[in-house]
Amino acid sequence: MVRRFNLLAGALLLLYPLLVYFCLSSGEGQLLTLLLLPLFAIRLIAGSAMPVAWQWATRWLGATGLLLVLLNLWFREHDWLLYYPLAVNATLLALFGASLRQPMTMVERLARLTTPDLPEQGVSYTRKVTQVWCLFFIANGALSGWTIWQGDLALWSLYNGLISYLLMGALMGGEWLIRQRVMKRGTP
C-alpha cells in the first residue's frame, strides 16, 4: 500500500509544472499548497519502499519539496516552488554521476533488470550512456534555472512541464535506436 501511494505521488509530481502554472495563474496558491504538502510528505515517508538505489533520492526530493512549500508559505513568495525541477535535475545528476565512481553505473543497473548477463561491451556501453545522462541533467538543470530567472511563469511551465519531458523522451528514444544498432553489431 505504501508503495502504491509512493508511485501515485511520483506520477502526480510529473504534472508538477502544470499544476503550479494552473494554480498560480488562477490565484489558487492555497489550493496548490494543500495539494503539494501531502505529495511531498508521501515521497519523504514512503521513500523506503523504493529500490535501494533510489531511496535516498526519493526521500531527498520529498524533503526538498516540503522545504520549498514551507518557504513559499513562510515568505508568501511562490517563486520558491519553481526550484523543484532544478532540484530534481541536481538530484538525478548526483545519482547518475556518483554511479560513475562505482563498479556498476546506474544505467547498467537498469539494463541488468532485463539482461542480467550483460556482456562486457554492454557494460562499457552503459557507462557511456550514464555519462550522456549526466550531461543531459546538467544542460536540463541549467535551462530549468534559466526559466526560473526569466520570471515568466508560462515559459517556466512550458519548458519544465513539456519541453524537458520531450527532450528526455528524445534522448531515451535516440539511445534505444543506437542500442539496437550496437546490439546488431555486437560492439559499442
N, C-alpha and C. Protein backbone atom coordinates (compact mmCIF):
# COMPACT_ATOMS: atom_id res chain seq x y z
N MET A 1 0.82 -1.19 0.00
CA MET A 1 0.00 0.00 0.00
C MET A 1 0.87 1.27 0.00
N VAL A 2 1.93 1.26 0.82
CA VAL A 2 2.84 2.40 0.86
C VAL A 2 3.47 2.60 -0.51
N ARG A 3 3.85 1.50 -1.12
CA ARG A 3 4.48 1.58 -2.45
C ARG A 3 3.52 2.19 -3.47
N ARG A 4 2.24 1.83 -3.39
CA ARG A 4 1.24 2.39 -4.32
C ARG A 4 1.08 3.89 -4.12
N PHE A 5 1.02 4.32 -2.86
CA PHE A 5 0.92 5.76 -2.59
C PHE A 5 2.14 6.49 -3.13
N ASN A 6 3.31 5.89 -2.94
CA ASN A 6 4.55 6.49 -3.41
C ASN A 6 4.55 6.60 -4.94
N LEU A 7 4.12 5.54 -5.62
CA LEU A 7 4.06 5.57 -7.08
C LEU A 7 3.03 6.59 -7.57
N LEU A 8 1.89 6.67 -6.89
CA LEU A 8 0.87 7.65 -7.25
C LEU A 8 1.40 9.07 -7.06
N ALA A 9 2.05 9.31 -5.93
CA ALA A 9 2.63 10.64 -5.68
C ALA A 9 3.67 10.98 -6.74
N GLY A 10 4.51 10.00 -7.09
CA GLY A 10 5.52 10.23 -8.13
C GLY A 10 4.89 10.55 -9.47
N ALA A 11 3.84 9.83 -9.82
CA ALA A 11 3.15 10.09 -11.09
C ALA A 11 2.52 11.48 -11.09
N LEU A 12 1.91 11.86 -9.97
CA LEU A 12 1.30 13.19 -9.89
C LEU A 12 2.36 14.29 -9.93
N LEU A 13 3.53 14.01 -9.38
CA LEU A 13 4.59 15.02 -9.41
C LEU A 13 5.16 15.23 -10.81
N LEU A 14 4.92 14.29 -11.72
CA LEU A 14 5.29 14.54 -13.12
C LEU A 14 4.51 15.71 -13.68
N LEU A 15 3.33 15.94 -13.12
CA LEU A 15 2.48 17.05 -13.56
C LEU A 15 2.77 18.34 -12.78
N TYR A 16 3.78 18.31 -11.93
CA TYR A 16 4.10 19.44 -11.06
C TYR A 16 4.14 20.79 -11.78
N PRO A 17 4.89 20.93 -12.88
CA PRO A 17 4.94 22.25 -13.53
C PRO A 17 3.57 22.74 -14.00
N LEU A 18 2.76 21.84 -14.51
CA LEU A 18 1.44 22.25 -14.98
C LEU A 18 0.53 22.59 -13.81
N LEU A 19 0.63 21.83 -12.74
CA LEU A 19 -0.14 22.10 -11.53
C LEU A 19 0.23 23.47 -10.96
N VAL A 20 1.52 23.75 -10.88
CA VAL A 20 1.99 25.05 -10.39
C VAL A 20 1.46 26.17 -11.28
N TYR A 21 1.58 25.99 -12.58
CA TYR A 21 1.13 27.03 -13.51
C TYR A 21 -0.37 27.31 -13.36
N PHE A 22 -1.18 26.27 -13.42
CA PHE A 22 -2.63 26.48 -13.38
C PHE A 22 -3.09 27.05 -12.04
N CYS A 23 -2.52 26.58 -10.96
CA CYS A 23 -2.93 27.09 -9.65
C CYS A 23 -2.46 28.53 -9.43
N LEU A 24 -1.22 28.83 -9.77
CA LEU A 24 -0.72 30.18 -9.54
C LEU A 24 -1.32 31.20 -10.50
N SER A 25 -1.51 30.81 -11.76
CA SER A 25 -2.07 31.77 -12.72
C SER A 25 -3.56 32.03 -12.46
N SER A 26 -4.22 31.14 -11.73
CA SER A 26 -5.64 31.37 -11.41
C SER A 26 -5.83 31.83 -9.97
N GLY A 27 -4.71 32.17 -9.30
CA GLY A 27 -4.80 32.70 -7.94
C GLY A 27 -5.12 31.66 -6.88
N GLU A 28 -4.83 30.41 -7.15
CA GLU A 28 -5.15 29.32 -6.22
C GLU A 28 -3.89 28.80 -5.51
N GLY A 29 -3.09 29.72 -4.99
CA GLY A 29 -1.87 29.33 -4.29
C GLY A 29 -2.13 28.46 -3.07
N GLN A 30 -3.22 28.74 -2.35
CA GLN A 30 -3.57 27.93 -1.17
C GLN A 30 -3.90 26.50 -1.57
N LEU A 31 -4.67 26.35 -2.64
CA LEU A 31 -5.01 25.01 -3.13
C LEU A 31 -3.75 24.26 -3.53
N LEU A 32 -2.84 24.96 -4.19
CA LEU A 32 -1.58 24.34 -4.60
C LEU A 32 -0.82 23.80 -3.39
N THR A 33 -0.74 24.61 -2.34
CA THR A 33 -0.07 24.18 -1.12
C THR A 33 -0.73 22.94 -0.53
N LEU A 34 -2.05 22.94 -0.50
CA LEU A 34 -2.79 21.79 0.04
C LEU A 34 -2.57 20.53 -0.79
N LEU A 35 -2.33 20.69 -2.09
CA LEU A 35 -2.06 19.54 -2.96
C LEU A 35 -0.62 19.04 -2.82
N LEU A 36 0.31 19.99 -2.71
CA LEU A 36 1.73 19.62 -2.71
C LEU A 36 2.21 19.04 -1.39
N LEU A 37 1.73 19.56 -0.27
CA LEU A 37 2.21 19.07 1.03
C LEU A 37 2.05 17.56 1.19
N PRO A 38 0.87 16.99 0.92
CA PRO A 38 0.78 15.52 1.08
C PRO A 38 1.61 14.75 0.05
N LEU A 39 1.73 15.28 -1.18
CA LEU A 39 2.53 14.58 -2.19
C LEU A 39 3.99 14.48 -1.77
N PHE A 40 4.54 15.60 -1.30
CA PHE A 40 5.94 15.57 -0.88
C PHE A 40 6.12 14.78 0.41
N ALA A 41 5.15 14.84 1.31
CA ALA A 41 5.22 14.06 2.55
C ALA A 41 5.23 12.57 2.24
N ILE A 42 4.41 12.15 1.30
CA ILE A 42 4.38 10.74 0.90
C ILE A 42 5.74 10.33 0.34
N ARG A 43 6.33 11.17 -0.50
CA ARG A 43 7.63 10.84 -1.08
C ARG A 43 8.70 10.73 0.01
N LEU A 44 8.63 11.62 0.99
CA LEU A 44 9.61 11.59 2.07
C LEU A 44 9.44 10.34 2.93
N ILE A 45 8.22 10.05 3.32
CA ILE A 45 7.96 8.93 4.23
C ILE A 45 8.06 7.59 3.52
N ALA A 46 7.52 7.51 2.32
CA ALA A 46 7.44 6.23 1.61
C ALA A 46 8.66 5.94 0.75
N GLY A 47 9.68 6.76 0.85
CA GLY A 47 10.89 6.53 0.06
C GLY A 47 11.52 5.18 0.31
N SER A 48 11.29 4.63 1.50
CA SER A 48 11.87 3.33 1.83
C SER A 48 11.27 2.20 1.00
N ALA A 49 10.13 2.45 0.36
CA ALA A 49 9.51 1.42 -0.48
C ALA A 49 10.15 1.35 -1.86
N MET A 50 11.04 2.29 -2.15
CA MET A 50 11.71 2.33 -3.45
C MET A 50 12.90 1.37 -3.43
N PRO A 51 13.38 0.98 -4.64
CA PRO A 51 14.63 0.20 -4.69
C PRO A 51 15.75 0.98 -3.99
N VAL A 52 16.69 0.26 -3.42
CA VAL A 52 17.74 0.86 -2.59
C VAL A 52 18.44 2.03 -3.29
N ALA A 53 18.76 1.87 -4.55
CA ALA A 53 19.49 2.92 -5.28
C ALA A 53 18.70 4.22 -5.36
N TRP A 54 17.38 4.14 -5.27
CA TRP A 54 16.54 5.33 -5.42
C TRP A 54 16.01 5.86 -4.10
N GLN A 55 16.23 5.14 -2.99
CA GLN A 55 15.64 5.55 -1.71
C GLN A 55 16.07 6.94 -1.27
N TRP A 56 17.39 7.18 -1.26
CA TRP A 56 17.84 8.48 -0.77
C TRP A 56 17.36 9.59 -1.69
N ALA A 57 17.34 9.35 -3.01
CA ALA A 57 16.90 10.39 -3.95
C ALA A 57 15.43 10.71 -3.75
N THR A 58 14.61 9.69 -3.55
CA THR A 58 13.18 9.90 -3.34
C THR A 58 12.93 10.66 -2.05
N ARG A 59 13.61 10.26 -1.00
CA ARG A 59 13.45 10.96 0.29
C ARG A 59 13.98 12.39 0.21
N TRP A 60 15.13 12.56 -0.42
CA TRP A 60 15.72 13.89 -0.56
C TRP A 60 14.78 14.82 -1.31
N LEU A 61 14.21 14.32 -2.42
CA LEU A 61 13.30 15.16 -3.19
C LEU A 61 12.01 15.43 -2.43
N GLY A 62 11.55 14.47 -1.64
CA GLY A 62 10.39 14.71 -0.78
C GLY A 62 10.68 15.81 0.23
N ALA A 63 11.84 15.73 0.88
CA ALA A 63 12.24 16.74 1.86
C ALA A 63 12.44 18.10 1.19
N THR A 64 13.08 18.10 0.03
CA THR A 64 13.30 19.35 -0.70
C THR A 64 11.98 19.99 -1.10
N GLY A 65 11.06 19.18 -1.61
CA GLY A 65 9.74 19.69 -1.98
C GLY A 65 9.01 20.28 -0.79
N LEU A 66 9.06 19.58 0.35
CA LEU A 66 8.43 20.11 1.57
C LEU A 66 9.06 21.43 1.98
N LEU A 67 10.39 21.49 1.92
CA LEU A 67 11.09 22.72 2.28
C LEU A 67 10.66 23.88 1.37
N LEU A 68 10.57 23.62 0.07
CA LEU A 68 10.17 24.68 -0.87
C LEU A 68 8.73 25.14 -0.60
N VAL A 69 7.85 24.21 -0.28
CA VAL A 69 6.47 24.58 0.04
C VAL A 69 6.43 25.40 1.33
N LEU A 70 7.21 24.99 2.33
CA LEU A 70 7.24 25.73 3.59
C LEU A 70 7.85 27.12 3.41
N LEU A 71 8.89 27.24 2.59
CA LEU A 71 9.45 28.56 2.28
C LEU A 71 8.42 29.43 1.56
N ASN A 72 7.67 28.81 0.67
CA ASN A 72 6.59 29.50 -0.03
C ASN A 72 5.58 30.05 0.98
N LEU A 73 5.21 29.23 1.96
CA LEU A 73 4.24 29.66 2.98
C LEU A 73 4.82 30.74 3.88
N TRP A 74 6.06 30.54 4.32
CA TRP A 74 6.69 31.46 5.26
C TRP A 74 6.87 32.85 4.65
N PHE A 75 7.43 32.89 3.44
CA PHE A 75 7.73 34.17 2.81
C PHE A 75 6.59 34.70 1.94
N ARG A 76 5.57 33.87 1.76
CA ARG A 76 4.44 34.22 0.88
C ARG A 76 4.94 34.63 -0.51
N GLU A 77 5.89 33.84 -0.98
CA GLU A 77 6.50 34.09 -2.28
C GLU A 77 6.52 32.78 -3.05
N HIS A 78 5.76 32.73 -4.14
CA HIS A 78 5.59 31.48 -4.88
C HIS A 78 6.80 31.08 -5.71
N ASP A 79 7.76 31.97 -5.89
CA ASP A 79 8.94 31.63 -6.69
C ASP A 79 9.70 30.43 -6.12
N TRP A 80 9.60 30.19 -4.82
CA TRP A 80 10.28 29.04 -4.22
C TRP A 80 9.85 27.75 -4.89
N LEU A 81 8.60 27.68 -5.29
CA LEU A 81 8.07 26.44 -5.88
C LEU A 81 8.68 26.14 -7.25
N LEU A 82 9.23 27.16 -7.89
CA LEU A 82 9.79 26.98 -9.23
C LEU A 82 11.13 26.23 -9.20
N TYR A 83 11.72 26.11 -8.03
CA TYR A 83 13.03 25.48 -7.92
C TYR A 83 12.97 23.95 -7.86
N TYR A 84 11.80 23.37 -7.74
CA TYR A 84 11.72 21.91 -7.62
C TYR A 84 12.27 21.18 -8.85
N PRO A 85 11.93 21.55 -10.09
CA PRO A 85 12.53 20.85 -11.24
C PRO A 85 14.06 20.96 -11.26
N LEU A 86 14.59 22.08 -10.82
CA LEU A 86 16.04 22.24 -10.74
C LEU A 86 16.61 21.26 -9.71
N ALA A 87 15.92 21.10 -8.58
CA ALA A 87 16.35 20.14 -7.56
C ALA A 87 16.29 18.71 -8.09
N VAL A 88 15.28 18.40 -8.90
CA VAL A 88 15.17 17.06 -9.48
C VAL A 88 16.37 16.78 -10.39
N ASN A 89 16.72 17.75 -11.24
CA ASN A 89 17.87 17.56 -12.13
C ASN A 89 19.17 17.42 -11.35
N ALA A 90 19.34 18.23 -10.31
CA ALA A 90 20.56 18.14 -9.49
C ALA A 90 20.64 16.78 -8.79
N THR A 91 19.51 16.30 -8.30
CA THR A 91 19.49 15.00 -7.61
C THR A 91 19.80 13.86 -8.57
N LEU A 92 19.19 13.89 -9.75
CA LEU A 92 19.46 12.84 -10.74
C LEU A 92 20.90 12.90 -11.22
N LEU A 93 21.44 14.10 -11.37
CA LEU A 93 22.86 14.24 -11.73
C LEU A 93 23.73 13.61 -10.65
N ALA A 94 23.41 13.88 -9.39
CA ALA A 94 24.18 13.30 -8.29
C ALA A 94 24.07 11.78 -8.29
N LEU A 95 22.87 11.27 -8.51
CA LEU A 95 22.64 9.82 -8.50
C LEU A 95 23.39 9.13 -9.64
N PHE A 96 23.23 9.65 -10.86
CA PHE A 96 23.90 9.05 -12.01
C PHE A 96 25.41 9.31 -11.96
N GLY A 97 25.79 10.52 -11.58
CA GLY A 97 27.21 10.87 -11.51
C GLY A 97 27.96 10.04 -10.47
N ALA A 98 27.36 9.86 -9.30
CA ALA A 98 28.00 9.05 -8.26
C ALA A 98 28.17 7.61 -8.72
N SER A 99 27.24 7.14 -9.54
CA SER A 99 27.35 5.75 -10.00
C SER A 99 28.53 5.55 -10.95
N LEU A 100 29.04 6.64 -11.54
CA LEU A 100 30.21 6.52 -12.41
C LEU A 100 31.46 6.15 -11.62
N ARG A 101 31.45 6.38 -10.32
CA ARG A 101 32.58 6.03 -9.47
C ARG A 101 32.46 4.61 -8.91
N GLN A 102 31.34 3.98 -9.20
CA GLN A 102 31.07 2.62 -8.72
C GLN A 102 31.39 1.61 -9.82
N PRO A 103 31.57 0.36 -9.46
CA PRO A 103 31.79 -0.66 -10.50
C PRO A 103 30.59 -0.79 -11.45
N MET A 104 29.37 -0.55 -10.92
CA MET A 104 28.18 -0.68 -11.75
C MET A 104 27.47 0.68 -11.80
N THR A 105 27.34 1.23 -13.01
CA THR A 105 26.67 2.52 -13.16
C THR A 105 25.16 2.36 -13.04
N MET A 106 24.47 3.49 -12.91
CA MET A 106 23.02 3.47 -12.80
C MET A 106 22.38 2.84 -14.03
N VAL A 107 22.85 3.20 -15.21
CA VAL A 107 22.27 2.64 -16.44
C VAL A 107 22.54 1.14 -16.53
N GLU A 108 23.72 0.70 -16.06
CA GLU A 108 23.99 -0.74 -16.06
C GLU A 108 23.03 -1.46 -15.12
N ARG A 109 22.76 -0.89 -13.96
CA ARG A 109 21.79 -1.50 -13.03
C ARG A 109 20.43 -1.65 -13.70
N LEU A 110 20.01 -0.60 -14.39
CA LEU A 110 18.72 -0.66 -15.08
C LEU A 110 18.76 -1.69 -16.21
N ALA A 111 19.87 -1.74 -16.94
CA ALA A 111 20.00 -2.70 -18.04
C ALA A 111 19.97 -4.14 -17.53
N ARG A 112 20.55 -4.37 -16.37
CA ARG A 112 20.61 -5.73 -15.82
C ARG A 112 19.24 -6.22 -15.33
N LEU A 113 18.29 -5.32 -15.22
CA LEU A 113 16.93 -5.76 -14.87
C LEU A 113 16.34 -6.63 -15.98
N THR A 114 16.71 -6.32 -17.22
CA THR A 114 16.20 -7.11 -18.36
C THR A 114 17.25 -8.04 -18.94
N THR A 115 18.54 -7.70 -18.74
CA THR A 115 19.63 -8.52 -19.27
C THR A 115 20.63 -8.78 -18.14
N PRO A 116 20.33 -9.76 -17.27
CA PRO A 116 21.21 -10.00 -16.12
C PRO A 116 22.65 -10.34 -16.49
N ASP A 117 22.85 -11.05 -17.61
CA ASP A 117 24.19 -11.43 -18.05
C ASP A 117 24.69 -10.46 -19.11
N LEU A 118 24.82 -9.21 -18.74
CA LEU A 118 25.25 -8.17 -19.67
C LEU A 118 26.71 -8.42 -20.07
N PRO A 119 26.99 -8.51 -21.39
CA PRO A 119 28.38 -8.73 -21.82
C PRO A 119 29.25 -7.50 -21.54
N GLU A 120 30.55 -7.69 -21.61
CA GLU A 120 31.49 -6.61 -21.30
C GLU A 120 31.27 -5.38 -22.17
N GLN A 121 30.97 -5.58 -23.48
CA GLN A 121 30.73 -4.41 -24.33
C GLN A 121 29.45 -3.69 -23.90
N GLY A 122 28.50 -4.43 -23.33
CA GLY A 122 27.29 -3.80 -22.79
C GLY A 122 27.59 -2.96 -21.56
N VAL A 123 28.50 -3.45 -20.73
CA VAL A 123 28.91 -2.71 -19.54
C VAL A 123 29.58 -1.40 -19.96
N SER A 124 30.47 -1.49 -20.94
CA SER A 124 31.15 -0.30 -21.46
C SER A 124 30.14 0.69 -22.05
N TYR A 125 29.19 0.15 -22.80
CA TYR A 125 28.17 1.00 -23.43
C TYR A 125 27.32 1.70 -22.37
N THR A 126 26.90 0.97 -21.33
CA THR A 126 26.05 1.58 -20.31
C THR A 126 26.80 2.67 -19.54
N ARG A 127 28.12 2.52 -19.40
CA ARG A 127 28.90 3.58 -18.74
C ARG A 127 28.86 4.86 -19.59
N LYS A 128 28.98 4.71 -20.90
CA LYS A 128 28.91 5.88 -21.80
C LYS A 128 27.52 6.51 -21.75
N VAL A 129 26.49 5.69 -21.70
CA VAL A 129 25.12 6.21 -21.64
C VAL A 129 24.90 6.96 -20.32
N THR A 130 25.46 6.45 -19.24
CA THR A 130 25.36 7.14 -17.95
C THR A 130 26.01 8.52 -18.04
N GLN A 131 27.15 8.60 -18.72
CA GLN A 131 27.81 9.90 -18.90
C GLN A 131 26.94 10.85 -19.72
N VAL A 132 26.29 10.33 -20.74
CA VAL A 132 25.39 11.16 -21.56
C VAL A 132 24.24 11.68 -20.70
N TRP A 133 23.67 10.82 -19.86
CA TRP A 133 22.58 11.26 -18.99
C TRP A 133 23.08 12.34 -18.02
N CYS A 134 24.30 12.23 -17.53
CA CYS A 134 24.84 13.27 -16.66
C CYS A 134 24.91 14.61 -17.39
N LEU A 135 25.38 14.58 -18.63
CA LEU A 135 25.42 15.81 -19.44
C LEU A 135 24.01 16.36 -19.65
N PHE A 136 23.06 15.47 -19.89
CA PHE A 136 21.67 15.90 -20.06
C PHE A 136 21.16 16.60 -18.80
N PHE A 137 21.42 16.02 -17.62
CA PHE A 137 20.92 16.62 -16.38
C PHE A 137 21.58 17.97 -16.12
N ILE A 138 22.84 18.13 -16.52
CA ILE A 138 23.50 19.43 -16.38
C ILE A 138 22.81 20.46 -17.28
N ALA A 139 22.63 20.11 -18.56
CA ALA A 139 22.01 21.04 -19.51
C ALA A 139 20.56 21.31 -19.14
N ASN A 140 19.82 20.28 -18.80
CA ASN A 140 18.41 20.44 -18.46
C ASN A 140 18.26 21.27 -17.19
N GLY A 141 19.12 21.04 -16.21
CA GLY A 141 19.09 21.83 -14.99
C GLY A 141 19.42 23.29 -15.26
N ALA A 142 20.40 23.53 -16.12
CA ALA A 142 20.77 24.91 -16.47
C ALA A 142 19.60 25.62 -17.16
N LEU A 143 18.94 24.93 -18.07
CA LEU A 143 17.79 25.53 -18.75
C LEU A 143 16.62 25.73 -17.79
N SER A 144 16.44 24.81 -16.88
CA SER A 144 15.39 24.95 -15.87
C SER A 144 15.67 26.19 -15.01
N GLY A 145 16.92 26.33 -14.59
CA GLY A 145 17.30 27.52 -13.82
C GLY A 145 17.10 28.80 -14.61
N TRP A 146 17.45 28.77 -15.87
CA TRP A 146 17.27 29.95 -16.73
C TRP A 146 15.80 30.35 -16.79
N THR A 147 14.91 29.36 -16.89
CA THR A 147 13.47 29.70 -16.96
C THR A 147 12.99 30.30 -15.65
N ILE A 148 13.57 29.89 -14.53
CA ILE A 148 13.20 30.48 -13.23
C ILE A 148 13.58 31.95 -13.23
N TRP A 149 14.81 32.22 -13.63
CA TRP A 149 15.35 33.57 -13.53
C TRP A 149 14.79 34.52 -14.59
N GLN A 150 14.08 33.99 -15.56
CA GLN A 150 13.40 34.84 -16.54
C GLN A 150 12.15 35.48 -15.94
N GLY A 151 11.61 34.88 -14.91
CA GLY A 151 10.44 35.44 -14.23
C GLY A 151 9.14 35.31 -14.99
N ASP A 152 9.08 34.39 -15.94
CA ASP A 152 7.88 34.19 -16.76
C ASP A 152 7.32 32.81 -16.44
N LEU A 153 6.21 32.78 -15.70
CA LEU A 153 5.63 31.51 -15.26
C LEU A 153 5.22 30.63 -16.44
N ALA A 154 4.71 31.24 -17.50
CA ALA A 154 4.30 30.46 -18.68
C ALA A 154 5.53 29.80 -19.33
N LEU A 155 6.63 30.54 -19.46
CA LEU A 155 7.86 29.99 -20.02
C LEU A 155 8.38 28.85 -19.14
N TRP A 156 8.40 29.09 -17.83
CA TRP A 156 8.86 28.07 -16.89
C TRP A 156 8.03 26.80 -17.04
N SER A 157 6.72 26.96 -17.10
CA SER A 157 5.82 25.80 -17.21
C SER A 157 5.98 25.08 -18.54
N LEU A 158 6.13 25.85 -19.61
CA LEU A 158 6.31 25.25 -20.93
C LEU A 158 7.58 24.41 -20.97
N TYR A 159 8.69 24.97 -20.47
CA TYR A 159 9.93 24.21 -20.52
C TYR A 159 9.89 23.02 -19.56
N ASN A 160 9.59 23.29 -18.29
CA ASN A 160 9.68 22.24 -17.26
C ASN A 160 8.54 21.23 -17.32
N GLY A 161 7.42 21.61 -17.93
CA GLY A 161 6.27 20.72 -17.99
C GLY A 161 6.06 20.04 -19.33
N LEU A 162 6.80 20.48 -20.36
CA LEU A 162 6.63 19.87 -21.68
C LEU A 162 7.97 19.65 -22.38
N ILE A 163 8.67 20.74 -22.64
CA ILE A 163 9.89 20.64 -23.46
C ILE A 163 10.93 19.72 -22.82
N SER A 164 11.14 19.84 -21.51
CA SER A 164 12.15 18.97 -20.87
C SER A 164 11.75 17.50 -20.96
N TYR A 165 10.44 17.22 -20.86
CA TYR A 165 9.98 15.83 -21.00
C TYR A 165 10.17 15.33 -22.43
N LEU A 166 9.93 16.21 -23.40
CA LEU A 166 10.14 15.83 -24.80
C LEU A 166 11.62 15.56 -25.07
N LEU A 167 12.49 16.41 -24.51
CA LEU A 167 13.94 16.20 -24.67
C LEU A 167 14.37 14.89 -24.02
N MET A 168 13.82 14.61 -22.85
CA MET A 168 14.14 13.35 -22.16
C MET A 168 13.67 12.16 -22.99
N GLY A 169 12.47 12.27 -23.54
CA GLY A 169 11.94 11.20 -24.39
C GLY A 169 12.78 11.02 -25.64
N ALA A 170 13.23 12.14 -26.23
CA ALA A 170 14.08 12.06 -27.42
C ALA A 170 15.41 11.38 -27.09
N LEU A 171 15.97 11.70 -25.93
CA LEU A 171 17.22 11.05 -25.52
C LEU A 171 17.00 9.56 -25.31
N MET A 172 15.91 9.20 -24.64
CA MET A 172 15.61 7.77 -24.44
C MET A 172 15.40 7.06 -25.77
N GLY A 173 14.64 7.67 -26.65
CA GLY A 173 14.38 7.07 -27.96
C GLY A 173 15.63 6.96 -28.80
N GLY A 174 16.44 8.03 -28.80
CA GLY A 174 17.70 8.01 -29.55
C GLY A 174 18.65 6.96 -29.01
N GLU A 175 18.72 6.87 -27.69
CA GLU A 175 19.58 5.85 -27.08
C GLU A 175 19.09 4.45 -27.44
N TRP A 176 17.78 4.25 -27.46
CA TRP A 176 17.23 2.94 -27.81
C TRP A 176 17.61 2.57 -29.25
N LEU A 177 17.51 3.54 -30.17
CA LEU A 177 17.88 3.27 -31.57
C LEU A 177 19.37 2.93 -31.69
N ILE A 178 20.20 3.68 -31.00
CA ILE A 178 21.64 3.41 -31.03
C ILE A 178 21.93 2.04 -30.42
N ARG A 179 21.25 1.71 -29.32
CA ARG A 179 21.46 0.41 -28.67
C ARG A 179 21.10 -0.74 -29.60
N GLN A 180 20.04 -0.57 -30.40
CA GLN A 180 19.66 -1.63 -31.34
C GLN A 180 20.76 -1.86 -32.36
N ARG A 181 21.34 -0.75 -32.84
CA ARG A 181 22.45 -0.86 -33.79
C ARG A 181 23.67 -1.50 -33.15
N VAL A 182 23.95 -1.08 -31.93
CA VAL A 182 25.11 -1.62 -31.21
C VAL A 182 24.93 -3.12 -30.97
N MET A 183 23.73 -3.53 -30.60
CA MET A 183 23.48 -4.95 -30.33
C MET A 183 23.60 -5.78 -31.60
N LYS A 184 23.18 -5.23 -32.74
CA LYS A 184 23.32 -5.96 -34.01
C LYS A 184 24.79 -6.14 -34.36
N ARG A 185 25.54 -5.06 -34.15
CA ARG A 185 26.97 -5.09 -34.46
C ARG A 185 27.75 -5.93 -33.48
N GLY A 186 27.30 -5.89 -32.22
CA GLY A 186 27.99 -6.65 -31.18
C GLY A 186 29.10 -5.88 -30.51
N THR A 187 29.31 -4.60 -30.90
CA THR A 187 30.33 -3.78 -30.25
C THR A 187 29.79 -2.37 -30.07
N PRO A 188 30.15 -1.74 -28.95
CA PRO A 188 29.70 -0.36 -28.73
C PRO A 188 30.50 0.64 -29.53
